[in-house]
Amino acid sequence: MTAILGGLGAAVMWAASTLSTSRSSKIVTPSTVLACVMAIGTALSAPFALASGVPSALRGANLAWLVVSGVANLLGLLCAYSALRVGKVGVVAPITSAQGAAAAIIAILLGERIAPGSGFLLALIALGVVLASFSGTTEDGSARDGRGPLLAGGAAGLFGLGLYAAGRLAGELPVAWVVFGPRLIGALVFTLPLLALGRLRLRRAAVPFIALSGVCEVLGLAAYILGSRGGIAVAAILASQFAALAAVFAYVLFGERLRRVQVVGVAAIVVGVAVLTGLQA
């Protein structure tokens, strides 16, 4: 049940972050959005991490996994924000959500065991994510822009690696440090250099959206890490539901339309989650 609750919590937070980023990335550059999100994440997570002190387990393989998580998360966010600048939420979010499938496949290949029947349900949910990614073109042709799907695909692969690395650390390091570490890495190697070079150009209209993205990214990762303690594969796949949530709310808030095949995909995800919850409870 921990994996289910953590995965679903991450899905809600990441959906909110995706929606807000789709607005801010059209007001300022993706690099500015990312730099600010890293700064916000570092500021929010630092007090919790520092209050517990530097963990003795932060060495060797754990330190290496933390660096992998940080770099993969940083590059994945840059790809995702760039994709949202040129593409539609209903296209970008579902493709990016393949991160869950990537992390789950890695976990299963490395020997993680899941409840009988869960494999089929994970496949059903993954299929739903694929169907939800199908989108029609718009009058301005933005849905046909090849950059959006390509960048989203890159983000999915990087996020999958980052999710698996974070899951590996979940049982070794305090949650606060698993969240704080990648944000600190991002702030040091991206935010500070951008600020020093004078390339961080923030506009007032983007501030509320960026703030929401920064908070939701941290809360989403924390929820996923807690969930992964109950199983990386299940938590990762359920976290990928953020795509369905983002697509639905993009339709409600921004007028992005869902095709029939996307509705089928969302339904497959909902059914798969409901049955999987029963099996894991």
C-alpha atoms as a PDB file:
ATOM      1  CA  MET A   1       0.000   0.000   0.000  1.00  0.00           C
ATOM      2  CA  THR A   2       2.954   2.337   0.651  1.00  0.00           C
ATOM      3  CA  ALA A   3       4.036   2.013  -2.988  1.00  0.00           C
ATOM      4  CA  ILE A   4       0.520   2.803  -4.209  1.00  0.00           C
ATOM      5  CA  LEU A   5      -0.017   5.871  -2.026  1.00  0.00           C
ATOM      6  CA  GLY A   6       3.444   7.231  -2.729  1.00  0.00           C
ATOM      7  CA  GLY A   7       3.097   6.707  -6.472  1.00  0.00           C
ATOM      8  CA  LEU A   8      -0.316   8.353  -6.637  1.00  0.00           C
ATOM      9  CA  GLY A   9       0.857  11.280  -4.503  1.00  0.00           C
ATOM     10  CA  ALA A  10       3.777  11.798  -6.860  1.00  0.00           C
ATOM     11  CA  ALA A  11       1.401  11.685  -9.835  1.00  0.00           C
ATOM     12  CA  VAL A  12      -0.759  14.495  -8.453  1.00  0.00           C
ATOM     13  CA  MET A  13       2.236  16.693  -7.629  1.00  0.00           C
ATOM     14  CA  TRP A  14       3.950  16.131 -10.968  1.00  0.00           C
ATOM     15  CA  ALA A  15       0.732  16.805 -12.871  1.00  0.00           C
ATOM     16  CA  ALA A  16       0.424  20.164 -11.118  1.00  0.00           C
ATOM     17  CA  SER A  17       4.074  20.902 -11.842  1.00  0.00           C
ATOM     18  CA  THR A  18       3.641  19.993 -15.518  1.00  0.00           C
ATOM     19  CA  LEU A  19       0.636  22.271 -15.926  1.00  0.00           C
ATOM     20  CA  SER A  20       2.320  25.231 -14.237  1.00  0.00           C
ATOM     21  CA  THR A  21       5.540  24.708 -16.185  1.00  0.00           C
ATOM     22  CA  SER A  22       3.616  24.661 -19.460  1.00  0.00           C
ATOM     23  CA  ARG A  23       2.684  28.266 -18.646  1.00  0.00           C
ATOM     24  CA  SER A  24       5.985  29.545 -17.234  1.00  0.00           C
ATOM     25  CA  SER A  25       8.130  28.045 -20.006  1.00  0.00           C
ATOM     26  CA  LYS A  26       6.221  30.128 -22.540  1.00  0.00           C
ATOM     27  CA  ILE A  27       6.881  33.332 -20.577  1.00  0.00           C
ATOM     28  CA  VAL A  28      10.590  32.852 -19.830  1.00  0.00           C
ATOM     29  CA  THR A  29      13.221  30.444 -21.160  1.00  0.00           C
ATOM     30  CA  PRO A  30      13.279  26.805 -19.967  1.00  0.00           C
ATOM     31  CA  SER A  31      16.754  27.378 -18.504  1.00  0.00           C
ATOM     32  CA  THR A  32      15.436  30.213 -16.329  1.00  0.00           C
ATOM     33  CA  VAL A  33      12.536  28.048 -15.160  1.00  0.00           C
ATOM     34  CA  LEU A  34      14.898  25.190 -14.308  1.00  0.00           C
ATOM     35  CA  ALA A  35      17.360  27.425 -12.459  1.00  0.00           C
ATOM     36  CA  CYS A  36      14.573  28.852 -10.301  1.00  0.00           C
ATOM     37  CA  VAL A  37      13.007  25.442  -9.659  1.00  0.00           C
ATOM     38  CA  MET A  38      16.370  24.089  -8.495  1.00  0.00           C
ATOM     39  CA  ALA A  39      16.825  27.080  -6.172  1.00  0.00           C
ATOM     40  CA  ILE A  40      13.335  26.653  -4.710  1.00  0.00           C
ATOM     41  CA  GLY A  41      13.814  22.926  -4.256  1.00  0.00           C
ATOM     42  CA  THR A  42      17.139  23.423  -2.511  1.00  0.00           C
ATOM     43  CA  ALA A  43      15.708  26.054  -0.168  1.00  0.00           C
ATOM     44  CA  LEU A  44      12.705  23.891   0.741  1.00  0.00           C
ATOM     45  CA  SER A  45      14.580  20.651   1.341  1.00  0.00           C
ATOM     46  CA  ALA A  46      17.777  22.001   2.938  1.00  0.00           C
ATOM     47  CA  PRO A  47      16.346  22.616   6.449  1.00  0.00           C
ATOM     48  CA  PHE A  48      15.027  19.048   6.704  1.00  0.00           C
ATOM     49  CA  ALA A  49      18.242  17.501   5.408  1.00  0.00           C
ATOM     50  CA  LEU A  50      20.602  19.614   7.495  1.00  0.00           C
ATOM     51  CA  ALA A  51      18.513  19.157  10.636  1.00  0.00           C
ATOM     52  CA  SER A  52      19.154  15.415  10.505  1.00  0.00           C
ATOM     53  CA  GLY A  53      22.866  15.856   9.853  1.00  0.00           C
ATOM     54  CA  VAL A  54      24.988  14.264   7.146  1.00  0.00           C
ATOM     55  CA  PRO A  55      24.088  10.545   7.079  1.00  0.00           C
ATOM     56  CA  SER A  56      26.941   8.109   7.642  1.00  0.00           C
ATOM     57  CA  ALA A  57      25.705   6.049   4.679  1.00  0.00           C
ATOM     58  CA  LEU A  58      26.399   8.927   2.267  1.00  0.00           C
ATOM     59  CA  ARG A  59      29.497   7.379   0.720  1.00  0.00           C
ATOM     60  CA  GLY A  60      30.568   4.891  -1.904  1.00  0.00           C
ATOM     61  CA  ALA A  61      27.726   3.453  -3.960  1.00  0.00           C
ATOM     62  CA  ASN A  62      25.117   5.604  -2.226  1.00  0.00           C
ATOM     63  CA  LEU A  63      26.985   8.790  -3.083  1.00  0.00           C
ATOM     64  CA  ALA A  64      27.334   7.611  -6.679  1.00  0.00           C
ATOM     65  CA  TRP A  65      23.590   6.882  -6.951  1.00  0.00           C
ATOM     66  CA  LEU A  66      22.847  10.322  -5.478  1.00  0.00           C
ATOM     67  CA  VAL A  67      24.970  11.992  -8.152  1.00  0.00           C
ATOM     68  CA  VAL A  68      23.293   9.900 -10.860  1.00  0.00           C
ATOM     69  CA  SER A  69      19.889  10.909  -9.521  1.00  0.00           C
ATOM     70  CA  GLY A  70      20.851  14.583  -9.468  1.00  0.00           C
ATOM     71  CA  VAL A  71      22.343  14.749 -12.956  1.00  0.00           C
ATOM     72  CA  ALA A  72      19.557  12.667 -14.529  1.00  0.00           C
ATOM     73  CA  ASN A  73      16.897  14.781 -12.829  1.00  0.00           C
ATOM     74  CA  LEU A  74      18.531  18.049 -13.914  1.00  0.00           C
ATOM     75  CA  LEU A  75      18.904  17.063 -17.569  1.00  0.00           C
ATOM     76  CA  GLY A  76      15.471  15.439 -17.617  1.00  0.00           C
ATOM     77  CA  LEU A  77      13.798  18.591 -16.333  1.00  0.00           C
ATOM     78  CA  LEU A  78      15.612  20.719 -18.906  1.00  0.00           C
ATOM     79  CA  CYS A  79      14.352  18.441 -21.691  1.00  0.00           C
ATOM     80  CA  ALA A  80      10.824  18.403 -20.267  1.00  0.00           C
ATOM     81  CA  TYR A  81      10.636  22.179 -19.842  1.00  0.00           C
ATOM     82  CA  SER A  82      11.954  22.695 -23.367  1.00  0.00           C
ATOM     83  CA  ALA A  83       9.353  20.247 -24.695  1.00  0.00           C
ATOM     84  CA  LEU A  84       6.535  22.072 -22.894  1.00  0.00           C
ATOM     85  CA  ARG A  85       7.687  25.342 -24.447  1.00  0.00           C
ATOM     86  CA  VAL A  86       7.152  24.073 -28.005  1.00  0.00           C
ATOM     87  CA  GLY A  87       4.553  21.304 -27.536  1.00  0.00           C
ATOM     88  CA  LYS A  88       1.169  20.608 -25.997  1.00  0.00           C
ATOM     89  CA  VAL A  89       0.693  19.195 -22.498  1.00  0.00           C
ATOM     90  CA  GLY A  90      -1.487  16.413 -23.935  1.00  0.00           C
ATOM     91  CA  VAL A  91       1.433  15.250 -26.089  1.00  0.00           C
ATOM     92  CA  VAL A  92       4.465  15.992 -23.931  1.00  0.00           C
ATOM     93  CA  ALA A  93       3.204  14.735 -20.554  1.00  0.00           C
ATOM     94  CA  PRO A  94       2.235  11.203 -21.666  1.00  0.00           C
ATOM     95  CA  ILE A  95       5.532  10.693 -23.487  1.00  0.00           C
ATOM     96  CA  THR A  96       7.483  11.975 -20.500  1.00  0.00           C
ATOM     97  CA  SER A  97       5.511   9.651 -18.233  1.00  0.00           C
ATOM     98  CA  ALA A  98       7.275   6.686 -19.836  1.00  0.00           C
ATOM     99  CA  GLN A  99       9.835   7.387 -17.105  1.00  0.00           C
ATOM    100  CA  GLY A 100       7.794   5.134 -14.837  1.00  0.00           C
ATOM    101  CA  ALA A 101       7.906   2.263 -17.288  1.00  0.00           C
ATOM    102  CA  ALA A 102      11.655   2.733 -17.743  1.00  0.00           C
ATOM    103  CA  ALA A 103      12.315   2.695 -13.998  1.00  0.00           C
ATOM    104  CA  ALA A 104       9.993  -0.280 -13.497  1.00  0.00           C
ATOM    105  CA  ILE A 105      11.673  -2.299 -16.240  1.00  0.00           C
ATOM    106  CA  ILE A 106      15.083  -1.632 -14.714  1.00  0.00           C
ATOM    107  CA  ALA A 107      13.814  -2.706 -11.292  1.00  0.00           C
ATOM    108  CA  ILE A 108      12.216  -5.906 -12.598  1.00  0.00           C
ATOM    109  CA  LEU A 109      15.282  -6.830 -14.661  1.00  0.00           C
ATOM    110  CA  LEU A 110      17.399  -6.444 -11.543  1.00  0.00           C
ATOM    111  CA  GLY A 111      15.231  -8.899  -9.630  1.00  0.00           C
ATOM    112  CA  GLU A 112      12.472  -7.000  -7.827  1.00  0.00           C
ATOM    113  CA  ARG A 113       9.454  -9.219  -7.130  1.00  0.00           C
ATOM    114  CA  ILE A 114       5.874  -8.008  -7.493  1.00  0.00           C
ATOM    115  CA  ALA A 115       2.504  -9.557  -6.597  1.00  0.00           C
ATOM    116  CA  PRO A 116       1.067 -12.223  -8.962  1.00  0.00           C
ATOM    117  CA  GLY A 117      -0.929 -10.566 -11.722  1.00  0.00           C
ATOM    118  CA  SER A 118       0.782  -7.221 -11.183  1.00  0.00           C
ATOM    119  CA  GLY A 119       2.891  -7.663 -14.296  1.00  0.00           C
ATOM    120  CA  PHE A 120      -0.191  -7.716 -16.525  1.00  0.00           C
ATOM    121  CA  LEU A 121      -1.645  -4.695 -14.759  1.00  0.00           C
ATOM    122  CA  LEU A 122       1.604  -2.776 -15.039  1.00  0.00           C
ATOM    123  CA  ALA A 123       1.563  -3.558 -18.760  1.00  0.00           C
ATOM    124  CA  LEU A 124      -2.054  -2.362 -19.008  1.00  0.00           C
ATOM    125  CA  ILE A 125      -1.180   0.908 -17.294  1.00  0.00           C
ATOM    126  CA  ALA A 126       1.854   1.337 -19.541  1.00  0.00           C
ATOM    127  CA  LEU A 127      -0.357   0.708 -22.594  1.00  0.00           C
ATOM    128  CA  GLY A 128      -2.760   3.346 -21.308  1.00  0.00           C
ATOM    129  CA  VAL A 129       0.092   5.817 -21.104  1.00  0.00           C
ATOM    130  CA  VAL A 130       1.033   5.062 -24.714  1.00  0.00           C
ATOM    131  CA  LEU A 131      -2.556   5.495 -25.936  1.00  0.00           C
ATOM    132  CA  ALA A 132      -2.894   8.729 -23.987  1.00  0.00           C
ATOM    133  CA  SER A 133       0.101  10.100 -25.886  1.00  0.00           C
ATOM    134  CA  PHE A 134      -1.745  10.030 -29.218  1.00  0.00           C
ATOM    135  CA  SER A 135      -2.828  13.555 -30.102  1.00  0.00           C
ATOM    136  CA  GLY A 136      -4.320  15.290 -33.109  1.00  0.00           C
ATOM    137  CA  THR A 137      -2.803  18.299 -34.790  1.00  0.00           C
ATOM    138  CA  THR A 138      -3.857  21.865 -34.153  1.00  0.00           C
ATOM    139  CA  GLU A 139      -4.374  24.784 -36.509  1.00  0.00           C
ATOM    140  CA  ASP A 140      -0.986  26.262 -35.661  1.00  0.00           C
ATOM    141  CA  GLY A 141       0.628  22.861 -36.217  1.00  0.00           C
ATOM    142  CA  SER A 142       2.261  22.742 -32.772  1.00  0.00           C
ATOM    143  CA  ALA A 143       1.311  19.129 -32.201  1.00  0.00           C
ATOM    144  CA  ARG A 144       3.282  18.212 -35.328  1.00  0.00           C
ATOM    145  CA  ASP A 145       6.420  19.953 -34.069  1.00  0.00           C
ATOM    146  CA  GLY A 146       8.934  17.124 -33.838  1.00  0.00           C
ATOM    147  CA  ARG A 147      10.953  18.868 -31.159  1.00  0.00           C
ATOM    148  CA  GLY A 148       8.307  18.398 -28.473  1.00  0.00           C
ATOM    149  CA  PRO A 149       8.015  14.590 -28.685  1.00  0.00           C
ATOM    150  CA  LEU A 150      11.771  14.205 -29.166  1.00  0.00           C
ATOM    151  CA  LEU A 151      12.605  16.285 -26.104  1.00  0.00           C
ATOM    152  CA  ALA A 152       9.880  14.525 -24.113  1.00  0.00           C
ATOM    153  CA  GLY A 153      11.352  11.150 -25.073  1.00  0.00           C
ATOM    154  CA  GLY A 154      14.758  12.252 -23.854  1.00  0.00           C
ATOM    155  CA  ALA A 155      13.208  13.458 -20.610  1.00  0.00           C
ATOM    156  CA  ALA A 156      11.486  10.089 -20.125  1.00  0.00           C
ATOM    157  CA  GLY A 157      14.732   8.162 -20.388  1.00  0.00           C
ATOM    158  CA  LEU A 158      16.589  10.500 -18.042  1.00  0.00           C
ATOM    159  CA  PHE A 159      13.760  10.579 -15.516  1.00  0.00           C
ATOM    160  CA  GLY A 160      13.556   6.781 -15.581  1.00  0.00           C
ATOM    161  CA  LEU A 161      17.214   6.566 -14.626  1.00  0.00           C
ATOM    162  CA  GLY A 162      16.733   9.224 -11.964  1.00  0.00           C
ATOM    163  CA  LEU A 163      13.688   7.488 -10.496  1.00  0.00           C
ATOM    164  CA  TYR A 164      15.482   4.179 -10.256  1.00  0.00           C
ATOM    165  CA  ALA A 165      18.506   5.811  -8.630  1.00  0.00           C
ATOM    166  CA  ALA A 166      16.245   7.567  -6.117  1.00  0.00           C
ATOM    167  CA  GLY A 167      14.474   4.287  -5.421  1.00  0.00           C
ATOM    168  CA  ARG A 168      17.796   2.573  -4.723  1.00  0.00           C
ATOM    169  CA  LEU A 169      18.590   5.277  -2.179  1.00  0.00           C
ATOM    170  CA  ALA A 170      15.177   5.170  -0.487  1.00  0.00           C
ATOM    171  CA  GLY A 171      16.162   2.465   1.968  1.00  0.00           C
ATOM    172  CA  GLU A 172      19.703   3.727   2.503  1.00  0.00           C
ATOM    173  CA  LEU A 173      19.387   7.471   3.091  1.00  0.00           C
ATOM    174  CA  PRO A 174      16.788   9.667   4.823  1.00  0.00           C
ATOM    175  CA  VAL A 175      14.095  10.930   2.451  1.00  0.00           C
ATOM    176  CA  ALA A 176      15.194  14.513   3.094  1.00  0.00           C
ATOM    177  CA  TRP A 177      18.669  13.775   1.739  1.00  0.00           C
ATOM    178  CA  VAL A 178      17.420  11.915  -1.329  1.00  0.00           C
ATOM    179  CA  VAL A 179      15.324  14.995  -2.154  1.00  0.00           C
ATOM    180  CA  PHE A 180      17.934  17.580  -1.133  1.00  0.00           C
ATOM    181  CA  GLY A 181      20.945  16.020  -2.860  1.00  0.00           C
ATOM    182  CA  PRO A 182      19.740  16.269  -6.481  1.00  0.00           C
ATOM    183  CA  ARG A 183      18.401  19.796  -5.895  1.00  0.00           C
ATOM    184  CA  LEU A 184      21.714  20.911  -4.405  1.00  0.00           C
ATOM    185  CA  ILE A 185      23.586  19.439  -7.365  1.00  0.00           C
ATOM    186  CA  GLY A 186      21.255  21.275  -9.740  1.00  0.00           C
ATOM    187  CA  ALA A 187      21.680  24.564  -7.899  1.00  0.00           C
ATOM    188  CA  LEU A 188      25.474  24.278  -7.853  1.00  0.00           C
ATOM    189  CA  VAL A 189      26.052  23.205 -11.450  1.00  0.00           C
ATOM    190  CA  PHE A 190      23.198  25.100 -13.124  1.00  0.00           C
ATOM    191  CA  THR A 191      21.559  27.874 -11.082  1.00  0.00           C
ATOM    192  CA  LEU A 192      24.708  29.551  -9.753  1.00  0.00           C
ATOM    193  CA  PRO A 193      26.569  29.552 -13.111  1.00  0.00           C
ATOM    194  CA  LEU A 194      23.484  30.927 -14.889  1.00  0.00           C
ATOM    195  CA  LEU A 195      23.182  33.650 -12.261  1.00  0.00           C
ATOM    196  CA  ALA A 196      26.891  34.486 -12.440  1.00  0.00           C
ATOM    197  CA  LEU A 197      26.725  34.818 -16.222  1.00  0.00           C
ATOM    198  CA  GLY A 198      23.721  37.124 -15.990  1.00  0.00           C
ATOM    199  CA  ARG A 199      21.547  34.798 -18.057  1.00  0.00           C
ATOM    200  CA  LEU A 200      18.786  34.323 -15.488  1.00  0.00           C
ATOM    201  CA  ARG A 201      16.032  36.626 -16.738  1.00  0.00           C
ATOM    202  CA  LEU A 202      12.865  36.331 -14.663  1.00  0.00           C
ATOM    203  CA  ARG A 203       9.561  38.048 -15.450  1.00  0.00           C
ATOM    204  CA  ARG A 204       6.901  38.829 -12.851  1.00  0.00           C
ATOM    205  CA  ALA A 205       4.167  36.967 -14.748  1.00  0.00           C
ATOM    206  CA  ALA A 206       6.124  33.706 -14.523  1.00  0.00           C
ATOM    207  CA  VAL A 207       6.842  33.843 -10.770  1.00  0.00           C
ATOM    208  CA  PRO A 208       3.629  32.160  -9.473  1.00  0.00           C
ATOM    209  CA  PHE A 209       3.915  29.325 -12.002  1.00  0.00           C
ATOM    210  CA  ILE A 210       7.600  28.748 -11.269  1.00  0.00           C
ATOM    211  CA  ALA A 211       6.972  28.771  -7.506  1.00  0.00           C
ATOM    212  CA  LEU A 212       4.238  26.153  -7.872  1.00  0.00           C
ATOM    213  CA  SER A 213       6.481  24.011 -10.066  1.00  0.00           C
ATOM    214  CA  GLY A 214       9.325  24.165  -7.554  1.00  0.00           C
ATOM    215  CA  VAL A 215       7.147  23.154  -4.609  1.00  0.00           C
ATOM    216  CA  CYS A 216       5.353  20.376  -6.476  1.00  0.00           C
ATOM    217  CA  GLU A 217       8.584  18.891  -7.849  1.00  0.00           C
ATOM    218  CA  VAL A 218       9.940  18.509  -4.313  1.00  0.00           C
ATOM    219  CA  LEU A 219       6.710  17.086  -2.875  1.00  0.00           C
ATOM    220  CA  GLY A 220       6.331  14.725  -5.827  1.00  0.00           C
ATOM    221  CA  LEU A 221       9.833  13.327  -5.452  1.00  0.00           C
ATOM    222  CA  ALA A 222       9.375  12.924  -1.694  1.00  0.00           C
ATOM    223  CA  ALA A 223       6.129  11.010  -2.252  1.00  0.00           C
ATOM    224  CA  TYR A 224       7.766   8.767  -4.835  1.00  0.00           C
ATOM    225  CA  ILE A 225      10.742   7.997  -2.591  1.00  0.00           C
ATOM    226  CA  LEU A 226       8.446   7.030   0.271  1.00  0.00           C
ATOM    227  CA  GLY A 227       6.409   4.883  -2.110  1.00  0.00           C
ATOM    228  CA  SER A 228       9.458   3.170  -3.580  1.00  0.00           C
ATOM    229  CA  ARG A 229      10.240   1.746  -0.150  1.00  0.00           C
ATOM    230  CA  GLY A 230       7.250  -0.496  -0.754  1.00  0.00           C
ATOM    231  CA  GLY A 231       8.333  -1.372  -4.309  1.00  0.00           C
ATOM    232  CA  ILE A 232      10.104   0.618  -7.012  1.00  0.00           C
ATOM    233  CA  ALA A 233       8.179  -0.927  -9.923  1.00  0.00           C
ATOM    234  CA  VAL A 234       4.669  -0.227  -8.603  1.00  0.00           C
ATOM    235  CA  ALA A 235       5.501   3.261  -7.319  1.00  0.00           C
ATOM    236  CA  ALA A 236       7.151   4.182 -10.625  1.00  0.00           C
ATOM    237  CA  ILE A 237       4.272   3.049 -12.821  1.00  0.00           C
ATOM    238  CA  LEU A 238       1.635   4.741 -10.660  1.00  0.00           C
ATOM    239  CA  ALA A 239       3.647   7.951 -10.588  1.00  0.00           C
ATOM    240  CA  SER A 240       3.411   7.967 -14.389  1.00  0.00           C
ATOM    241  CA  GLN A 241      -0.303   8.682 -13.996  1.00  0.00           C
ATOM    242  CA  PHE A 242       0.626  12.351 -13.863  1.00  0.00           C
ATOM    243  CA  ALA A 243       0.325  12.256 -17.661  1.00  0.00           C
ATOM    244  CA  ALA A 244      -3.351  11.313 -17.617  1.00  0.00           C
ATOM    245  CA  LEU A 245      -4.085  13.880 -14.917  1.00  0.00           C
ATOM    246  CA  ALA A 246      -2.191  16.595 -16.780  1.00  0.00           C
ATOM    247  CA  ALA A 247      -3.976  15.788 -20.054  1.00  0.00           C
ATOM    248  CA  VAL A 248      -7.410  15.981 -18.423  1.00  0.00           C
ATOM    249  CA  PHE A 249      -6.708  19.260 -16.634  1.00  0.00           C
ATOM    250  CA  ALA A 250      -5.064  20.723 -19.738  1.00  0.00           C
ATOM    251  CA  TYR A 251      -8.390  20.123 -21.485  1.00  0.00           C
ATOM    252  CA  VAL A 252     -10.359  21.728 -18.635  1.00  0.00           C
ATOM    253  CA  LEU A 253      -8.037  24.683 -18.010  1.00  0.00           C
ATOM    254  CA  PHE A 254      -6.448  25.341 -21.395  1.00  0.00           C
ATOM    255  CA  GLY A 255      -8.959  23.883 -23.844  1.00  0.00           C
ATOM    256  CA  GLU A 256      -6.644  21.134 -25.129  1.00  0.00           C
ATOM    257  CA  ARG A 257      -8.859  18.415 -26.580  1.00  0.00           C
ATOM    258  CA  LEU A 258      -8.548  14.688 -25.937  1.00  0.00           C
ATOM    259  CA  ARG A 259      -9.062  12.301 -28.842  1.00  0.00           C
ATOM    260  CA  ARG A 260     -11.077   9.118 -28.393  1.00  0.00           C
ATOM    261  CA  VAL A 261      -7.924   7.018 -28.264  1.00  0.00           C
ATOM    262  CA  GLN A 262      -6.628   9.214 -25.435  1.00  0.00           C
ATOM    263  CA  VAL A 263      -9.840   8.670 -23.484  1.00  0.00           C
ATOM    264  CA  VAL A 264      -9.339   4.910 -23.926  1.00  0.00           C
ATOM    265  CA  GLY A 265      -5.806   5.300 -22.605  1.00  0.00           C
ATOM    266  CA  VAL A 266      -6.950   7.215 -19.534  1.00  0.00           C
ATOM    267  CA  ALA A 267      -9.617   4.559 -18.873  1.00  0.00           C
ATOM    268  CA  ALA A 268      -7.014   1.786 -19.117  1.00  0.00           C
ATOM    269  CA  ILE A 269      -4.854   3.580 -16.575  1.00  0.00           C
ATOM    270  CA  VAL A 270      -7.744   4.099 -14.144  1.00  0.00           C
ATOM    271  CA  VAL A 271      -8.870   0.449 -14.358  1.00  0.00           C
ATOM    272  CA  GLY A 272      -5.326  -0.843 -14.025  1.00  0.00           C
ATOM    273  CA  VAL A 273      -4.705   1.285 -10.949  1.00  0.00           C
ATOM    274  CA  ALA A 274      -7.964   0.225  -9.285  1.00  0.00           C
ATOM    275  CA  VAL A 275      -7.249  -3.496  -9.691  1.00  0.00           C
ATOM    276  CA  LEU A 276      -3.578  -3.125  -8.789  1.00  0.00           C
ATOM    277  CA  THR A 277      -4.576  -1.343  -5.590  1.00  0.00           C
ATOM    278  CA  GLY A 278      -6.707  -4.344  -4.625  1.00  0.00           C
ATOM    279  CA  LEU A 279      -3.865  -6.778  -5.276  1.00  0.00           C
ATOM    280  CA  GLN A 280      -1.305  -4.785  -3.313  1.00  0.00           C
ATOM    281  CA  ALA A 281      -3.554  -3.917  -0.348  1.00  0.00           C
END
